[in-house]
Amino acid sequence: MKKPNFNFILGMAAMVSLMISFSACDNEPIDERPDLPPIESMMMDFSDFEGQPGGAKASEITYGNFTHSYFSVLYWNVISTVTMTLPVAAYGHALQQEAEYVGDQTWEWSFDFKYDGVDYSAVLTGARISNEKFSAEMKIGLALMPGQGIKWFDGEIRYDHTHAIWNLYKEGTVKVLEAEWHKNFETEAGDLKYTYMEPEQEETGSFIMFKHVPQEVYDASYTISLAAGTTEIEWNITSKEGHVKDQVKFGDTNWHCWNSHASGLTDMDCQ
C-alpha cells in the first residue's frame, strides 16, 4: 500500500488556509461602507443674492441695504465659483455612482464625466477612520491622460452626516479653501463655513458662514469676516426681506433693513 505524501497534504492544507484567510480579508465590511453626504455639505447657496434689485441701474440710495449685502456676498460667490466649480461637478457625479470595495476598509468611486465640453476622469477614495467618521479624497485629470489626476479636495465626514470638513486645493498641494458643514436632521438647521486658507494673502483667514435655522423669522444668515471688518446679513428665504449690519459701511452697529422681494427689496425702516 502506497504511503500518503504528508508533505503534499500539509502543503495543500496550508494553501487552503491561506486562501480562506485572504477571502475573509477581502470581504467588504458592508456596515462600514461610506455614504457620501449631500452636495450642500460642500457648495454654499448664494441664490438669494445673485442679482441686484432694479437691474444694472439699481439706485444705491433706494436699494442701498440690499445692494451692500449683494456686493458683500459677491466676493465669496466669485471665490467659491473659481475654486469649486469643477470639483463640485465631479462630486455631483460621484453621488450617482456605486463605490467599489478595494480592500483595507477602502472604497473607490471611479468614473468619467464631461464638464464645459471637456472630458475628465475622477477617482474619489473613501476610507474608514473610526466608527464615527471616514476620509475622502478626490483626484481629477483629463480623460486623455489616465492616472495623471491631481488632488482637488479631501476631507473627513461623520457617518451620520452631521458634520463634514472639506479642504480644496490648487495644483494638488496648495490649500486654498476649507469648508466646514454641520447639519441637525431633527430641526433641519445647518451651517456651512468657508475659510480662505491660501498662504500669505491679504485675506488669508477670512471667512463666510451661511446658517439656516427654519424656526426663525429671518431663517437664513451670512456672517462675513474680511480684513476690513465684519458684515452680518439676515433674511427670510421665502419673502427675501432682511437686514444687514456693518459698522465700517454704516458707521454704527444697528441693523439696516430692506423690504420683501415682492416690494422691490427697497430700503425700509427696521421695525
C-alpha atoms as a PDB file:
ATOM      1  CA  MET A   1       0.000   0.000   0.000  1.00  0.00           C
ATOM      2  CA  LYS A   2       1.348   3.378  -1.064  1.00  0.00           C
ATOM      3  CA  LYS A   3       2.088   5.704   1.812  1.00  0.00           C
ATOM      4  CA  PRO A   4       0.327   9.079   1.772  1.00  0.00           C
ATOM      5  CA  ASN A   5       2.501  12.080   0.954  1.00  0.00           C
ATOM      6  CA  PHE A   6       2.214  14.028   4.204  1.00  0.00           C
ATOM      7  CA  ASN A   7       4.251  16.922   2.877  1.00  0.00           C
ATOM      8  CA  PHE A   8       1.792  17.293  -0.013  1.00  0.00           C
ATOM      9  CA  ILE A   9      -1.193  17.106   2.347  1.00  0.00           C
ATOM     10  CA  LEU A  10       0.309  19.655   4.720  1.00  0.00           C
ATOM     11  CA  GLY A  11       1.103  21.943   1.797  1.00  0.00           C
ATOM     12  CA  MET A  12      -2.450  21.753   0.462  1.00  0.00           C
ATOM     13  CA  ALA A  13      -3.877  22.396   3.928  1.00  0.00           C
ATOM     14  CA  ALA A  14      -1.695  25.471   4.307  1.00  0.00           C
ATOM     15  CA  MET A  15      -2.768  26.739   0.882  1.00  0.00           C
ATOM     16  CA  VAL A  16      -6.459  26.266   1.657  1.00  0.00           C
ATOM     17  CA  SER A  17      -5.998  28.024   4.994  1.00  0.00           C
ATOM     18  CA  LEU A  18      -4.230  30.927   3.278  1.00  0.00           C
ATOM     19  CA  MET A  19      -6.985  31.215   0.651  1.00  0.00           C
ATOM     20  CA  ILE A  20      -9.641  31.311   3.362  1.00  0.00           C
ATOM     21  CA  SER A  21      -7.665  33.975   5.178  1.00  0.00           C
ATOM     22  CA  PHE A  22      -7.361  36.165   2.051  1.00  0.00           C
ATOM     23  CA  SER A  23     -11.045  35.670   1.271  1.00  0.00           C
ATOM     24  CA  ALA A  24     -12.035  36.787   4.767  1.00  0.00           C
ATOM     25  CA  CYS A  25      -9.779  39.854   4.496  1.00  0.00           C
ATOM     26  CA  ASP A  26     -11.286  40.848   1.128  1.00  0.00           C
ATOM     27  CA  ASN A  27     -14.908  40.617   2.240  1.00  0.00           C
ATOM     28  CA  GLU A  28     -16.462  44.063   2.176  1.00  0.00           C
ATOM     29  CA  PRO A  29     -17.498  45.336   5.628  1.00  0.00           C
ATOM     30  CA  ILE A  30     -20.930  46.497   4.456  1.00  0.00           C
ATOM     31  CA  ASP A  31     -21.766  48.342   7.676  1.00  0.00           C
ATOM     32  CA  GLU A  32     -18.627  50.497   7.277  1.00  0.00           C
ATOM     33  CA  ARG A  33     -19.195  51.449   3.625  1.00  0.00           C
ATOM     34  CA  PRO A  34     -19.041  55.262   3.313  1.00  0.00           C
ATOM     35  CA  ASP A  35     -22.227  57.029   2.288  1.00  0.00           C
ATOM     36  CA  LEU A  36     -21.322  60.364   0.744  1.00  0.00           C
ATOM     37  CA  PRO A  37     -23.026  63.432   2.257  1.00  0.00           C
ATOM     38  CA  PRO A  38     -25.208  65.690   0.063  1.00  0.00           C
ATOM     39  CA  ILE A  39     -23.692  68.339  -2.160  1.00  0.00           C
ATOM     40  CA  GLU A  40     -24.923  71.025   0.284  1.00  0.00           C
ATOM     41  CA  SER A  41     -22.094  69.889   2.573  1.00  0.00           C
ATOM     42  CA  MET A  42     -19.663  71.442   0.103  1.00  0.00           C
ATOM     43  CA  MET A  43     -21.485  74.028  -2.021  1.00  0.00           C
ATOM     44  CA  MET A  44     -22.839  77.187  -0.388  1.00  0.00           C
ATOM     45  CA  ASP A  45     -26.177  78.606  -1.517  1.00  0.00           C
ATOM     46  CA  PHE A  46     -25.816  82.152  -2.903  1.00  0.00           C
ATOM     47  CA  SER A  47     -29.016  82.103  -4.935  1.00  0.00           C
ATOM     48  CA  ASP A  48     -30.821  84.832  -2.956  1.00  0.00           C
ATOM     49  CA  PHE A  49     -28.025  87.306  -3.734  1.00  0.00           C
ATOM     50  CA  GLU A  50     -27.263  86.613  -7.381  1.00  0.00           C
ATOM     51  CA  GLY A  51     -28.756  89.796  -8.783  1.00  0.00           C
ATOM     52  CA  GLN A  52     -29.118  93.453  -7.899  1.00  0.00           C
ATOM     53  CA  PRO A  53     -32.602  94.915  -7.491  1.00  0.00           C
ATOM     54  CA  GLY A  54     -33.716  97.059 -10.415  1.00  0.00           C
ATOM     55  CA  GLY A  55     -31.084  95.562 -12.735  1.00  0.00           C
ATOM     56  CA  ALA A  56     -27.917  97.383 -13.724  1.00  0.00           C
ATOM     57  CA  LYS A  57     -29.420 100.797 -12.928  1.00  0.00           C
ATOM     58  CA  ALA A  58     -30.191  99.914  -9.324  1.00  0.00           C
ATOM     59  CA  SER A  59     -30.061 103.001  -7.107  1.00  0.00           C
ATOM     60  CA  GLU A  60     -27.620 102.905  -4.219  1.00  0.00           C
ATOM     61  CA  ILE A  61     -29.935 105.212  -2.276  1.00  0.00           C
ATOM     62  CA  THR A  62     -33.165 103.338  -2.916  1.00  0.00           C
ATOM     63  CA  TYR A  63     -31.709  99.840  -2.635  1.00  0.00           C
ATOM     64  CA  GLY A  64     -28.613 100.568  -0.550  1.00  0.00           C
ATOM     65  CA  ASN A  65     -29.069  97.985   2.195  1.00  0.00           C
ATOM     66  CA  PHE A  66     -29.714  95.027  -0.071  1.00  0.00           C
ATOM     67  CA  THR A  67     -27.119  96.230  -2.587  1.00  0.00           C
ATOM     68  CA  HIS A  68     -24.423  96.343   0.092  1.00  0.00           C
ATOM     69  CA  SER A  69     -25.376  92.813   1.128  1.00  0.00           C
ATOM     70  CA  TYR A  70     -25.249  91.721  -2.502  1.00  0.00           C
ATOM     71  CA  PHE A  71     -21.708  93.018  -3.036  1.00  0.00           C
ATOM     72  CA  SER A  72     -20.543  91.618   0.302  1.00  0.00           C
ATOM     73  CA  VAL A  73     -21.713  88.155  -0.752  1.00  0.00           C
ATOM     74  CA  LEU A  74     -20.451  88.574  -4.334  1.00  0.00           C
ATOM     75  CA  TYR A  75     -16.804  88.452  -3.242  1.00  0.00           C
ATOM     76  CA  TRP A  76     -17.273  84.970  -1.783  1.00  0.00           C
ATOM     77  CA  ASN A  77     -19.531  83.852  -4.613  1.00  0.00           C
ATOM     78  CA  VAL A  78     -16.690  84.554  -7.069  1.00  0.00           C
ATOM     79  CA  ILE A  79     -14.039  82.827  -4.917  1.00  0.00           C
ATOM     80  CA  SER A  80     -16.154  79.714  -4.450  1.00  0.00           C
ATOM     81  CA  THR A  81     -17.095  79.569  -8.142  1.00  0.00           C
ATOM     82  CA  VAL A  82     -13.454  79.754  -9.283  1.00  0.00           C
ATOM     83  CA  THR A  83     -12.268  77.264  -6.655  1.00  0.00           C
ATOM     84  CA  MET A  84     -15.101  74.780  -6.501  1.00  0.00           C
ATOM     85  CA  THR A  85     -16.943  74.575  -9.827  1.00  0.00           C
ATOM     86  CA  LEU A  86     -15.003  71.608 -11.255  1.00  0.00           C
ATOM     87  CA  PRO A  87     -14.633  69.577  -8.022  1.00  0.00           C
ATOM     88  CA  VAL A  88     -18.283  70.139  -7.122  1.00  0.00           C
ATOM     89  CA  ALA A  89     -19.310  68.983 -10.603  1.00  0.00           C
ATOM     90  CA  ALA A  90     -17.196  65.856 -10.127  1.00  0.00           C
ATOM     91  CA  TYR A  91     -18.639  65.282  -6.662  1.00  0.00           C
ATOM     92  CA  GLY A  92     -22.149  65.545  -8.084  1.00  0.00           C
ATOM     93  CA  HIS A  93     -21.305  62.732 -10.496  1.00  0.00           C
ATOM     94  CA  ALA A  94     -19.780  60.682  -7.669  1.00  0.00           C
ATOM     95  CA  LEU A  95     -23.082  60.853  -5.799  1.00  0.00           C
ATOM     96  CA  GLN A  96     -24.660  58.977  -8.716  1.00  0.00           C
ATOM     97  CA  GLN A  97     -22.070  56.167  -8.737  1.00  0.00           C
ATOM     98  CA  GLU A  98     -21.682  52.937  -6.794  1.00  0.00           C
ATOM     99  CA  ALA A  99     -18.488  52.610  -4.777  1.00  0.00           C
ATOM    100  CA  GLU A 100     -16.208  49.613  -5.331  1.00  0.00           C
ATOM    101  CA  TYR A 101     -14.519  47.997  -2.349  1.00  0.00           C
ATOM    102  CA  VAL A 102     -10.754  47.785  -2.926  1.00  0.00           C
ATOM    103  CA  GLY A 103      -9.743  46.222   0.397  1.00  0.00           C
ATOM    104  CA  ASP A 104      -8.289  47.502   3.653  1.00  0.00           C
ATOM    105  CA  GLN A 105     -11.556  49.304   4.562  1.00  0.00           C
ATOM    106  CA  THR A 106     -11.215  51.486   1.466  1.00  0.00           C
ATOM    107  CA  TRP A 107     -13.703  52.203  -1.335  1.00  0.00           C
ATOM    108  CA  GLU A 108     -13.409  53.934  -4.711  1.00  0.00           C
ATOM    109  CA  TRP A 109     -15.809  55.838  -6.926  1.00  0.00           C
ATOM    110  CA  SER A 110     -14.120  55.839 -10.355  1.00  0.00           C
ATOM    111  CA  PHE A 111     -15.829  57.473 -13.349  1.00  0.00           C
ATOM    112  CA  ASP A 112     -15.518  59.735 -16.386  1.00  0.00           C
ATOM    113  CA  PHE A 113     -17.571  62.892 -16.791  1.00  0.00           C
ATOM    114  CA  LYS A 114     -17.854  65.858 -19.111  1.00  0.00           C
ATOM    115  CA  TYR A 115     -17.643  69.444 -17.860  1.00  0.00           C
ATOM    116  CA  ASP A 116     -17.711  72.576 -20.006  1.00  0.00           C
ATOM    117  CA  GLY A 117     -17.096  70.464 -23.117  1.00  0.00           C
ATOM    118  CA  VAL A 118     -14.021  68.691 -21.690  1.00  0.00           C
ATOM    119  CA  ASP A 119     -13.804  65.000 -20.786  1.00  0.00           C
ATOM    120  CA  TYR A 120     -12.407  64.271 -17.320  1.00  0.00           C
ATOM    121  CA  SER A 121     -11.624  61.183 -15.257  1.00  0.00           C
ATOM    122  CA  ALA A 122     -12.119  61.213 -11.499  1.00  0.00           C
ATOM    123  CA  VAL A 123     -11.356  58.875  -8.624  1.00  0.00           C
ATOM    124  CA  LEU A 124     -12.896  59.502  -5.219  1.00  0.00           C
ATOM    125  CA  THR A 125     -11.369  57.355  -2.482  1.00  0.00           C
ATOM    126  CA  GLY A 126     -13.098  56.831   0.868  1.00  0.00           C
ATOM    127  CA  ALA A 127     -11.540  55.075   3.846  1.00  0.00           C
ATOM    128  CA  ARG A 128     -12.785  54.258   7.325  1.00  0.00           C
ATOM    129  CA  ILE A 129     -11.069  56.253  10.081  1.00  0.00           C
ATOM    130  CA  SER A 130     -13.142  55.105  13.049  1.00  0.00           C
ATOM    131  CA  ASN A 131     -16.675  54.024  13.931  1.00  0.00           C
ATOM    132  CA  GLU A 132     -17.731  57.680  13.685  1.00  0.00           C
ATOM    133  CA  LYS A 133     -16.046  59.028  10.558  1.00  0.00           C
ATOM    134  CA  PHE A 134     -14.327  58.298   7.250  1.00  0.00           C
ATOM    135  CA  SER A 135     -11.950  60.173   4.958  1.00  0.00           C
ATOM    136  CA  ALA A 136     -12.442  61.134   1.324  1.00  0.00           C
ATOM    137  CA  GLU A 137     -10.042  62.292  -1.402  1.00  0.00           C
ATOM    138  CA  MET A 138     -10.866  63.321  -4.964  1.00  0.00           C
ATOM    139  CA  LYS A 139      -8.369  63.273  -7.845  1.00  0.00           C
ATOM    140  CA  ILE A 140      -9.373  64.698 -11.209  1.00  0.00           C
ATOM    141  CA  GLY A 141      -7.499  64.638 -14.516  1.00  0.00           C
ATOM    142  CA  LEU A 142      -8.096  64.790 -18.239  1.00  0.00           C
ATOM    143  CA  ALA A 143      -9.686  61.615 -19.600  1.00  0.00           C
ATOM    144  CA  LEU A 144      -6.965  61.518 -22.294  1.00  0.00           C
ATOM    145  CA  MET A 145      -4.327  61.230 -19.546  1.00  0.00           C
ATOM    146  CA  PRO A 146      -5.488  58.390 -17.267  1.00  0.00           C
ATOM    147  CA  GLY A 147      -3.690  58.088 -13.960  1.00  0.00           C
ATOM    148  CA  GLN A 148      -2.442  61.686 -14.138  1.00  0.00           C
ATOM    149  CA  GLY A 149      -5.128  63.267 -11.959  1.00  0.00           C
ATOM    150  CA  ILE A 150      -4.221  65.679  -9.167  1.00  0.00           C
ATOM    151  CA  LYS A 151      -5.865  66.108  -5.788  1.00  0.00           C
ATOM    152  CA  TRP A 152      -8.649  68.696  -5.855  1.00  0.00           C
ATOM    153  CA  PHE A 153     -10.089  68.089  -2.416  1.00  0.00           C
ATOM    154  CA  ASP A 154     -10.028  65.845   0.607  1.00  0.00           C
ATOM    155  CA  GLY A 155     -11.957  65.741   3.848  1.00  0.00           C
ATOM    156  CA  GLU A 156     -13.378  63.923   6.836  1.00  0.00           C
ATOM    157  CA  ILE A 157     -17.078  63.080   7.176  1.00  0.00           C
ATOM    158  CA  ARG A 158     -19.128  61.643  10.004  1.00  0.00           C
ATOM    159  CA  TYR A 159     -21.034  58.510   9.066  1.00  0.00           C
ATOM    160  CA  ASP A 160     -24.245  60.082  10.408  1.00  0.00           C
ATOM    161  CA  HIS A 161     -23.772  63.109   8.101  1.00  0.00           C
ATOM    162  CA  THR A 162     -23.967  65.659  10.907  1.00  0.00           C
ATOM    163  CA  HIS A 163     -20.505  67.077  10.207  1.00  0.00           C
ATOM    164  CA  ALA A 164     -18.009  67.281   7.358  1.00  0.00           C
ATOM    165  CA  ILE A 165     -14.799  69.185   6.696  1.00  0.00           C
ATOM    166  CA  TRP A 166     -13.555  69.620   3.131  1.00  0.00           C
ATOM    167  CA  ASN A 167     -10.173  71.011   2.024  1.00  0.00           C
ATOM    168  CA  LEU A 168      -9.928  72.448  -1.501  1.00  0.00           C
ATOM    169  CA  TYR A 169      -6.551  72.630  -3.267  1.00  0.00           C
ATOM    170  CA  LYS A 170      -4.938  74.212  -6.282  1.00  0.00           C
ATOM    171  CA  GLU A 171      -2.116  72.428  -8.120  1.00  0.00           C
ATOM    172  CA  GLY A 172      -2.788  69.416  -5.881  1.00  0.00           C
ATOM    173  CA  THR A 173      -0.893  70.718  -2.862  1.00  0.00           C
ATOM    174  CA  VAL A 174      -1.797  74.331  -2.006  1.00  0.00           C
ATOM    175  CA  LYS A 175      -4.819  74.501   0.297  1.00  0.00           C
ATOM    176  CA  VAL A 176      -6.949  77.467  -0.722  1.00  0.00           C
ATOM    177  CA  LEU A 177     -10.310  76.878   0.920  1.00  0.00           C
ATOM    178  CA  GLU A 178     -11.702  74.980   3.896  1.00  0.00           C
ATOM    179  CA  ALA A 179     -15.404  74.156   4.017  1.00  0.00           C
ATOM    180  CA  GLU A 180     -16.934  73.020   7.326  1.00  0.00           C
ATOM    181  CA  TRP A 181     -20.543  71.797   7.420  1.00  0.00           C
ATOM    182  CA  HIS A 182     -22.959  70.922  10.230  1.00  0.00           C
ATOM    183  CA  LYS A 183     -26.480  69.507   9.928  1.00  0.00           C
ATOM    184  CA  ASN A 184     -29.179  68.787  12.507  1.00  0.00           C
ATOM    185  CA  PHE A 185     -31.571  66.366  10.836  1.00  0.00           C
ATOM    186  CA  GLU A 186     -34.198  66.742  13.564  1.00  0.00           C
ATOM    187  CA  THR A 187     -34.617  70.507  13.213  1.00  0.00           C
ATOM    188  CA  GLU A 188     -33.231  70.767   9.640  1.00  0.00           C
ATOM    189  CA  ALA A 189     -30.933  73.545  10.881  1.00  0.00           C
ATOM    190  CA  GLY A 190     -27.469  73.642   9.381  1.00  0.00           C
ATOM    191  CA  ASP A 191     -24.474  75.778   8.561  1.00  0.00           C
ATOM    192  CA  LEU A 192     -21.592  75.879   6.109  1.00  0.00           C
ATOM    193  CA  LYS A 193     -18.436  77.935   6.617  1.00  0.00           C
ATOM    194  CA  TYR A 194     -15.806  78.780   4.013  1.00  0.00           C
ATOM    195  CA  THR A 195     -12.387  79.901   5.264  1.00  0.00           C
ATOM    196  CA  TYR A 196      -9.814  81.269   2.817  1.00  0.00           C
ATOM    197  CA  MET A 197      -6.609  79.326   3.504  1.00  0.00           C
ATOM    198  CA  GLU A 198      -4.163  80.229   0.741  1.00  0.00           C
ATOM    199  CA  PRO A 199      -0.915  81.225   2.484  1.00  0.00           C
ATOM    200  CA  GLU A 200       0.414  84.778   2.617  1.00  0.00           C
ATOM    201  CA  GLN A 201      -2.575  86.504   1.034  1.00  0.00           C
ATOM    202  CA  GLU A 202      -4.248  89.690   2.266  1.00  0.00           C
ATOM    203  CA  GLU A 203      -7.453  87.846   3.107  1.00  0.00           C
ATOM    204  CA  THR A 204      -5.907  84.619   4.444  1.00  0.00           C
ATOM    205  CA  GLY A 205      -8.088  83.533   7.370  1.00  0.00           C
ATOM    206  CA  SER A 206     -11.156  85.480   6.249  1.00  0.00           C
ATOM    207  CA  PHE A 207     -14.440  83.567   6.146  1.00  0.00           C
ATOM    208  CA  ILE A 208     -18.115  83.462   5.299  1.00  0.00           C
ATOM    209  CA  MET A 209     -20.607  81.361   7.258  1.00  0.00           C
ATOM    210  CA  PHE A 210     -24.086  80.535   5.979  1.00  0.00           C
ATOM    211  CA  LYS A 211     -26.700  79.407   8.506  1.00  0.00           C
ATOM    212  CA  HIS A 212     -30.208  78.114   8.004  1.00  0.00           C
ATOM    213  CA  VAL A 213     -32.480  77.915  11.047  1.00  0.00           C
ATOM    214  CA  PRO A 214     -36.033  77.146   9.833  1.00  0.00           C
ATOM    215  CA  GLN A 215     -37.679  78.142  13.139  1.00  0.00           C
ATOM    216  CA  GLU A 216     -36.526  81.783  12.909  1.00  0.00           C
ATOM    217  CA  VAL A 217     -38.336  84.649  11.141  1.00  0.00           C
ATOM    218  CA  TYR A 218     -35.073  85.526   9.449  1.00  0.00           C
ATOM    219  CA  ASP A 219     -34.267  81.899   8.795  1.00  0.00           C
ATOM    220  CA  ALA A 220     -31.060  82.414   6.805  1.00  0.00           C
ATOM    221  CA  SER A 221     -27.914  84.395   7.516  1.00  0.00           C
ATOM    222  CA  TYR A 222     -24.366  85.118   6.423  1.00  0.00           C
ATOM    223  CA  THR A 223     -21.538  86.224   8.676  1.00  0.00           C
ATOM    224  CA  ILE A 224     -18.727  87.625   6.533  1.00  0.00           C
ATOM    225  CA  SER A 225     -15.327  88.404   8.018  1.00  0.00           C
ATOM    226  CA  LEU A 226     -12.719  90.200   5.900  1.00  0.00           C
ATOM    227  CA  ALA A 227      -9.587  92.141   6.750  1.00  0.00           C
ATOM    228  CA  ALA A 228     -11.604  95.377   6.640  1.00  0.00           C
ATOM    229  CA  GLY A 229     -14.279  94.221   9.100  1.00  0.00           C
ATOM    230  CA  THR A 230     -17.325  92.026   9.651  1.00  0.00           C
ATOM    231  CA  THR A 231     -20.700  92.083   7.899  1.00  0.00           C
ATOM    232  CA  GLU A 232     -23.784  90.307   9.247  1.00  0.00           C
ATOM    233  CA  ILE A 233     -26.738  89.605   6.958  1.00  0.00           C
ATOM    234  CA  GLU A 234     -30.066  88.006   7.893  1.00  0.00           C
ATOM    235  CA  TRP A 235     -33.109  87.438   5.688  1.00  0.00           C
ATOM    236  CA  ASN A 236     -36.220  85.358   5.184  1.00  0.00           C
ATOM    237  CA  ILE A 237     -35.765  82.727   2.492  1.00  0.00           C
ATOM    238  CA  THR A 238     -39.402  82.916   1.386  1.00  0.00           C
ATOM    239  CA  SER A 239     -40.087  86.668   1.298  1.00  0.00           C
ATOM    240  CA  LYS A 240     -36.405  87.780   0.851  1.00  0.00           C
ATOM    241  CA  GLU A 241     -36.981  90.573   3.387  1.00  0.00           C
ATOM    242  CA  GLY A 242     -33.905  91.112   5.519  1.00  0.00           C
ATOM    243  CA  HIS A 243     -31.374  93.363   7.199  1.00  0.00           C
ATOM    244  CA  VAL A 244     -27.629  93.983   7.320  1.00  0.00           C
ATOM    245  CA  LYS A 245     -25.188  95.152   9.992  1.00  0.00           C
ATOM    246  CA  ASP A 246     -21.764  96.570   9.072  1.00  0.00           C
ATOM    247  CA  GLN A 247     -20.042  99.141  11.255  1.00  0.00           C
ATOM    248  CA  VAL A 248     -17.454 100.043   8.615  1.00  0.00           C
ATOM    249  CA  LYS A 249     -20.111 100.700   5.964  1.00  0.00           C
ATOM    250  CA  PHE A 250     -22.793 102.383   8.077  1.00  0.00           C
ATOM    251  CA  GLY A 251     -20.755 103.841  10.920  1.00  0.00           C
ATOM    252  CA  ASP A 252     -22.910 102.193  13.593  1.00  0.00           C
ATOM    253  CA  THR A 253     -23.831  98.771  14.962  1.00  0.00           C
ATOM    254  CA  ASN A 254     -27.529  98.961  14.013  1.00  0.00           C
ATOM    255  CA  TRP A 255     -29.443  96.767  11.632  1.00  0.00           C
ATOM    256  CA  HIS A 256     -30.281  98.343   8.238  1.00  0.00           C
ATOM    257  CA  CYS A 257     -33.333  96.772   6.619  1.00  0.00           C
ATOM    258  CA  TRP A 258     -34.788  96.082   3.184  1.00  0.00           C
ATOM    259  CA  ASN A 259     -38.246  95.123   2.048  1.00  0.00           C
ATOM    260  CA  SER A 260     -39.529  91.863   0.579  1.00  0.00           C
ATOM    261  CA  HIS A 261     -38.850  90.767  -2.993  1.00  0.00           C
ATOM    262  CA  ALA A 262     -42.484  91.484  -3.859  1.00  0.00           C
ATOM    263  CA  SER A 263     -41.937  95.082  -2.667  1.00  0.00           C
ATOM    264  CA  GLY A 264     -38.746  95.500  -4.681  1.00  0.00           C
ATOM    265  CA  LEU A 265     -36.096  94.912  -1.969  1.00  0.00           C
ATOM    266  CA  THR A 266     -36.181  98.640  -1.243  1.00  0.00           C
ATOM    267  CA  ASP A 267     -34.720 100.187   1.897  1.00  0.00           C
ATOM    268  CA  MET A 268     -37.109 100.482   4.831  1.00  0.00           C
ATOM    269  CA  ASP A 269     -37.042 101.441   8.486  1.00  0.00           C
ATOM    270  CA  CYS A 270     -36.333  98.493  10.747  1.00  0.00           C
ATOM    271  CA  GLN A 271     -39.234  97.536  12.997  1.00  0.00           C
END
